[in-house]
Amino acid sequence: MKVAIFFDGQNFYRSLLRYDESLRVDYDRLAVWITQAVAGPGGVFCGAYYYVGISSDAPPLVEGFLKGLELRPGYFVKREPRVRRTGRCPSCGAENEYTTEKRVDTRLVADLIHYAASGAFDVAVLVSGDDDFVPAVEAVNALGRQVWVATWSAEELSKDLRVRCFGHIRLSDGAAAFRVERPRSGERAPGRAAPSRLAHPAGPPAPGSALERGFQELQRAEARLPHVSRGYFVMRWKSQQLPPVGPEREALVQQLLEAGLIEEFEVRDAEGRVVTALRSRGPNGNLREPSGNIALPG
């Protein structure tokens, strides 16, 4: 049985952060796990298609991630440009500029139906819980192909979508199978340097640069919140000075970490869960505590 996987990239990434913001995914093992979950040991993985909107000024790490994904056997990335929009704030009346995805969902739908009609797969796995895909699932069903839906939790799955799909798999059930273990503090990950708590930053970010804006926004968040979780800063912190929420902002955070300008640490949130949080470093490499005081590294 041939299995193809269709990722709604933004939906997948947001849901991943809500489930576990520290989880890093091995996409080769993810494809194997999904294939076996819907087709058993005899299932044949025949391709994974990742759909995403990209800004013209996206951080290099975003394109690096997508190119790395394309180099994996069977993975194909479908990029669509994000477009700029303006909107007026209902509270203060100020006009803000933002970017939004365009044509991503329609490209996924077109490919899903096209590959079903051409017999490219026996089973499609849609990695998204959005009920906008209901008509596409109905079309694939009419062509005699199965569609499964995959989400991180049942709460993120539209009921209308679920009843039209052949089955549902929870990605959280396989997290142990495709999790990438992060190196401990001071260790080096294969092929890249892991930021050390004792490392001093190379220097302050250049004025006006994306790193400087990201650094200043994190400090602004630190001044307002008891702690700044990585997931909150990447997906929910509102700022016109930062890239769009999702992979582009995540890439900026990673650049700040690798430059030694900010630090990750673990903290318990209001519900008692351990989350990964961010804090800025001072110009001498010391860490800024949420109180605003300076603490020596380590």
Protein backbone atom coordinates (compact mmCIF):
# COMPACT_ATOMS: atom_id res chain seq x y z
CA MET A 1 0.00 0.00 0.00
CA LYS A 2 1.51 3.31 -1.14
CA VAL A 3 1.35 6.16 1.40
CA ALA A 4 1.82 9.88 0.65
CA ILE A 5 1.97 12.59 3.32
CA PHE A 6 0.75 16.17 2.85
CA PHE A 7 1.94 18.73 5.42
CA ASP A 8 0.18 22.03 6.01
CA GLY A 9 3.51 23.49 7.17
CA GLN A 10 2.26 26.41 9.27
CA ASN A 11 -0.46 24.33 10.93
CA PHE A 12 2.01 21.52 11.68
CA TYR A 13 4.56 23.89 13.19
CA ARG A 14 2.10 25.80 15.37
CA SER A 15 0.56 22.57 16.66
CA LEU A 16 4.01 21.14 17.40
CA LEU A 17 4.87 24.14 19.57
CA ARG A 18 1.58 23.88 21.44
CA TYR A 19 2.22 20.19 22.11
CA ASP A 20 5.89 20.49 23.13
CA GLU A 21 7.90 23.58 22.22
CA SER A 22 11.19 21.76 22.97
CA LEU A 23 10.52 18.84 20.61
CA ARG A 24 12.80 18.60 17.57
CA VAL A 25 11.63 16.24 14.81
CA ASP A 26 13.61 13.75 12.69
CA TYR A 27 11.57 13.97 9.48
CA ASP A 28 12.88 10.73 8.01
CA ARG A 29 11.73 8.78 11.05
CA LEU A 30 8.46 10.75 11.13
CA ALA A 31 7.67 9.61 7.56
CA VAL A 32 8.42 5.98 8.48
CA TRP A 33 6.27 6.16 11.62
CA ILE A 34 3.29 7.72 9.81
CA THR A 35 3.54 5.17 6.97
CA GLN A 36 3.53 2.24 9.37
CA ALA A 37 0.77 3.78 11.51
CA VAL A 38 -1.69 3.81 8.59
CA ALA A 39 -0.49 0.86 6.46
CA GLY A 40 1.39 -1.46 8.80
CA PRO A 41 4.86 -2.94 8.21
CA GLY A 42 4.06 -3.52 4.54
CA GLY A 43 3.33 0.13 3.83
CA VAL A 44 5.46 1.89 1.20
CA PHE A 45 6.34 5.56 1.71
CA CYS A 46 5.94 7.25 -1.70
CA GLY A 47 6.49 10.92 -0.87
CA ALA A 48 5.94 13.78 1.58
CA TYR A 49 4.86 17.21 0.41
CA TYR A 50 5.46 20.22 2.66
CA TYR A 51 3.49 23.40 1.85
CA VAL A 52 4.60 26.73 3.31
CA GLY A 53 4.40 30.49 2.73
CA ILE A 54 7.73 32.34 2.65
CA SER A 55 8.51 36.07 2.91
CA SER A 56 11.05 37.61 0.56
CA ASP A 57 13.10 38.71 3.59
CA ALA A 58 12.84 35.42 5.50
CA PRO A 59 15.87 34.65 7.73
CA PRO A 60 18.46 32.39 6.04
CA LEU A 61 17.81 29.65 8.59
CA VAL A 62 14.26 29.22 7.25
CA GLU A 63 15.51 28.55 3.74
CA GLY A 64 18.23 26.37 5.24
CA PHE A 65 15.61 24.24 6.98
CA LEU A 66 13.52 23.92 3.81
CA LYS A 67 16.53 23.02 1.66
CA GLY A 68 17.55 20.44 4.25
CA LEU A 69 14.04 19.01 4.13
CA GLU A 70 14.22 18.76 0.33
CA LEU A 71 17.45 16.78 0.57
CA ARG A 72 15.71 14.06 2.57
CA PRO A 73 14.58 11.11 0.42
CA GLY A 74 10.99 11.53 -0.71
CA TYR A 75 10.44 15.06 0.64
CA PHE A 76 9.25 17.86 -1.64
CA VAL A 77 8.80 21.46 -0.47
CA LYS A 78 6.15 23.63 -2.14
CA ARG A 79 6.84 27.31 -1.46
CA GLU A 80 4.35 30.12 -1.95
CA PRO A 81 5.15 33.82 -1.37
CA ARG A 82 3.67 35.54 1.66
CA VAL A 83 1.94 38.79 0.72
CA ARG A 84 1.88 42.08 2.60
CA ARG A 85 -1.37 43.42 3.98
CA THR A 86 -2.34 46.43 6.08
CA GLY A 87 -4.90 46.54 8.83
CA ARG A 88 -6.13 49.05 11.38
CA CYS A 89 -5.81 48.29 15.09
CA PRO A 90 -9.31 48.26 16.65
CA SER A 91 -7.91 49.61 19.95
CA CYS A 92 -5.65 52.50 18.97
CA GLY A 93 -6.63 53.04 15.33
CA ALA A 94 -3.05 52.74 14.10
CA GLU A 95 -2.51 51.17 10.68
CA ASN A 96 -0.20 48.16 10.80
CA GLU A 97 1.50 46.18 8.06
CA TYR A 98 1.75 42.39 8.24
CA THR A 99 2.27 39.41 5.96
CA THR A 100 -0.03 36.47 5.37
CA GLU A 101 0.10 33.18 3.47
CA LYS A 102 -1.36 33.11 -0.04
CA ARG A 103 -2.28 30.05 -2.15
CA VAL A 104 -0.72 27.55 0.27
CA ASP A 105 -3.93 25.65 1.07
CA THR A 106 -5.16 25.73 -2.52
CA ARG A 107 -1.84 24.32 -3.78
CA LEU A 108 -2.09 21.48 -1.24
CA VAL A 109 -5.68 20.74 -2.29
CA ALA A 110 -4.82 20.76 -6.00
CA ASP A 111 -1.90 18.37 -5.51
CA LEU A 112 -3.88 16.07 -3.21
CA ILE A 113 -6.62 15.59 -5.81
CA HIS A 114 -4.21 15.42 -8.76
CA TYR A 115 -2.04 12.70 -7.19
CA ALA A 116 -5.14 10.77 -6.13
CA ALA A 117 -6.51 10.85 -9.69
CA SER A 118 -3.17 9.74 -11.17
CA GLY A 119 -2.86 6.81 -8.76
CA ALA A 120 0.31 8.14 -7.12
CA PHE A 121 -0.87 6.85 -3.73
CA ASP A 122 -3.34 4.44 -2.16
CA VAL A 123 -3.50 6.34 1.13
CA ALA A 124 -2.96 10.05 1.75
CA VAL A 125 -2.16 11.38 5.22
CA LEU A 126 -3.19 15.00 5.70
CA VAL A 127 -1.15 16.62 8.48
CA SER A 128 -3.64 19.31 9.47
CA GLY A 129 -6.87 19.50 11.42
CA ASP A 130 -8.32 22.42 9.44
CA ASP A 131 -11.88 21.86 8.19
CA ASP A 132 -11.09 23.93 5.07
CA PHE A 133 -9.78 20.64 3.64
CA VAL A 134 -13.15 18.85 3.91
CA PRO A 135 -14.10 19.32 0.21
CA ALA A 136 -10.68 18.01 -0.90
CA VAL A 137 -11.03 14.91 1.29
CA GLU A 138 -14.48 14.25 -0.15
CA ALA A 139 -13.04 14.51 -3.68
CA VAL A 140 -10.25 12.04 -2.90
CA ASN A 141 -12.75 9.64 -1.31
CA ALA A 142 -14.81 9.79 -4.52
CA LEU A 143 -11.70 8.71 -6.47
CA GLY A 144 -11.47 5.56 -4.35
CA ARG A 145 -8.47 6.57 -2.23
CA GLN A 146 -8.18 6.66 1.54
CA VAL A 147 -7.41 9.84 3.44
CA TRP A 148 -6.16 9.73 7.02
CA VAL A 149 -5.68 12.85 9.11
CA ALA A 150 -2.78 13.39 11.52
CA THR A 151 -2.71 15.95 14.36
CA TRP A 152 -0.79 16.37 17.58
CA SER A 153 -3.99 16.08 19.62
CA ALA A 154 -7.68 15.34 19.10
CA GLU A 155 -8.57 18.86 20.29
CA GLU A 156 -6.94 20.36 17.16
CA LEU A 157 -8.99 18.23 14.75
CA SER A 158 -12.16 19.52 13.13
CA LYS A 159 -15.07 17.12 13.70
CA ASP A 160 -16.26 17.64 10.12
CA LEU A 161 -12.83 16.68 8.82
CA ARG A 162 -12.53 13.64 11.09
CA VAL A 163 -15.82 12.06 10.02
CA ARG A 164 -14.84 12.32 6.36
CA CYS A 165 -11.39 10.78 6.82
CA PHE A 166 -10.75 7.03 6.91
CA GLY A 167 -8.92 7.34 10.23
CA HIS A 168 -7.05 9.63 12.61
CA ILE A 169 -3.56 9.25 14.06
CA ARG A 170 -2.12 11.28 16.93
CA LEU A 171 1.42 12.37 16.22
CA SER A 172 2.01 12.58 19.96
CA ASP A 173 1.77 8.77 20.10
CA GLY A 174 4.95 8.50 18.03
CA ALA A 175 6.97 11.36 19.49
CA ALA A 176 9.46 8.96 21.09
CA ALA A 177 10.09 7.32 17.70
CA PHE A 178 10.99 10.49 15.80
CA ARG A 179 12.27 12.82 18.51
CA VAL A 180 15.75 14.28 18.04
CA GLU A 181 17.52 14.33 21.38
CA ARG A 182 18.95 17.76 22.07
CA PRO A 183 22.56 17.90 23.30
CA ARG A 184 23.16 18.72 26.95
CA SER A 185 24.53 22.12 27.86
CA GLY A 186 28.15 22.43 26.72
CA GLU A 187 27.97 19.45 24.32
CA ARG A 188 28.13 19.84 20.57
CA ALA A 189 25.40 18.63 18.25
CA PRO A 190 26.61 16.89 15.08
CA GLY A 191 27.57 19.48 12.50
CA ARG A 192 26.85 22.58 14.59
CA ALA A 193 28.04 24.29 17.73
CA ALA A 194 25.76 24.21 20.75
CA PRO A 195 25.67 27.53 22.64
CA SER A 196 27.33 27.21 26.02
CA ARG A 197 26.15 28.96 29.16
CA LEU A 198 29.75 30.10 29.63
CA ALA A 199 30.20 31.41 26.11
CA HIS A 200 30.39 35.16 25.70
CA PRO A 201 28.61 36.78 22.77
CA ALA A 202 30.75 37.84 19.83
CA GLY A 203 29.51 41.40 20.32
CA PRO A 204 26.35 43.49 20.24
CA PRO A 205 24.17 43.11 17.13
CA ALA A 206 24.58 45.72 14.42
CA PRO A 207 22.18 48.69 14.84
CA GLY A 208 19.05 48.26 12.76
CA SER A 209 19.72 44.60 12.04
CA ALA A 210 17.17 41.82 12.44
CA LEU A 211 19.21 40.47 15.36
CA GLU A 212 19.11 43.82 17.15
CA ARG A 213 15.34 44.10 16.68
CA GLY A 214 14.85 40.54 17.92
CA PHE A 215 17.11 41.16 20.92
CA GLN A 216 15.26 44.38 21.85
CA GLU A 217 11.86 42.67 21.50
CA LEU A 218 12.92 39.87 23.83
CA GLN A 219 14.06 42.45 26.40
CA ARG A 220 10.69 44.20 26.03
CA ALA A 221 8.92 40.90 26.66
CA GLU A 222 11.16 40.19 29.67
CA ALA A 223 10.19 43.55 31.17
CA ARG A 224 6.48 42.65 30.98
CA LEU A 225 6.40 38.92 31.80
CA PRO A 226 7.65 36.72 34.68
CA HIS A 227 9.41 34.64 32.03
CA VAL A 228 9.31 34.45 28.22
CA SER A 229 8.70 30.93 26.96
CA ARG A 230 10.20 30.12 23.59
CA GLY A 231 6.86 28.99 22.20
CA TYR A 232 5.10 32.18 23.34
CA PHE A 233 7.78 34.44 21.84
CA VAL A 234 7.79 32.55 18.53
CA MET A 235 4.02 32.12 18.09
CA ARG A 236 2.18 34.71 20.18
CA TRP A 237 4.32 37.77 21.02
CA LYS A 238 2.93 40.62 18.92
CA SER A 239 5.45 42.92 17.31
CA GLN A 240 5.89 44.68 13.98
CA GLN A 241 9.66 44.54 14.55
CA LEU A 242 9.84 40.74 14.28
CA PRO A 243 9.36 38.31 11.37
CA PRO A 244 5.97 36.58 11.06
CA VAL A 245 5.12 34.02 13.73
CA GLY A 246 6.20 30.49 12.91
CA PRO A 247 9.33 29.21 11.16
CA GLU A 248 10.70 32.65 10.26
CA ARG A 249 10.59 33.89 13.84
CA GLU A 250 11.90 30.55 15.10
CA ALA A 251 14.87 30.98 12.76
CA LEU A 252 15.58 34.43 14.23
CA VAL A 253 15.49 32.99 17.76
CA GLN A 254 17.96 30.30 16.69
CA GLN A 255 20.27 32.95 15.24
CA LEU A 256 20.16 34.90 18.50
CA LEU A 257 21.02 31.72 20.42
CA GLU A 258 23.90 30.81 18.14
CA ALA A 259 25.26 34.36 18.35
CA GLY A 260 25.32 34.04 22.14
CA LEU A 261 23.01 37.03 22.57
CA ILE A 262 20.28 35.11 24.40
CA GLU A 263 20.05 31.99 26.57
CA GLU A 264 17.60 29.11 26.95
CA PHE A 265 16.64 27.83 30.38
CA GLU A 266 13.90 25.67 31.90
CA VAL A 267 11.21 27.05 34.18
CA ARG A 268 7.82 25.96 35.49
CA ASP A 269 4.81 27.83 34.18
CA ALA A 270 1.67 28.77 36.13
CA GLU A 271 0.26 25.27 35.60
CA GLY A 272 3.38 23.56 36.90
CA ARG A 273 4.66 22.39 33.49
CA VAL A 274 8.35 22.63 32.64
CA VAL A 275 8.80 24.89 29.59
CA THR A 276 11.80 26.22 27.70
CA ALA A 277 12.19 29.96 28.24
CA LEU A 278 14.46 32.65 26.79
CA ARG A 279 16.42 35.44 28.44
CA SER A 280 18.80 38.05 27.09
CA ARG A 281 22.48 38.44 27.90
CA GLY A 282 24.18 41.63 28.96
CA PRO A 283 26.97 43.13 26.85
CA ASN A 284 29.56 41.23 28.93
CA GLY A 285 27.87 37.87 28.39
CA ASN A 286 26.16 37.72 31.80
CA LEU A 287 22.53 36.67 31.98
CA ARG A 288 19.63 38.98 32.70
CA GLU A 289 17.25 37.60 35.27
CA PRO A 290 13.49 38.27 34.91
CA SER A 291 13.82 40.77 37.76
CA GLY A 292 16.23 42.84 35.68
CA ASN A 293 19.22 41.93 37.86
CA ILE A 294 22.37 40.45 36.36
CA ALA A 295 23.43 36.90 37.21
CA LEU A 296 26.81 35.36 36.42
CA PRO A 297 26.65 32.50 33.88
CA GLY A 298 26.49 28.97 35.31
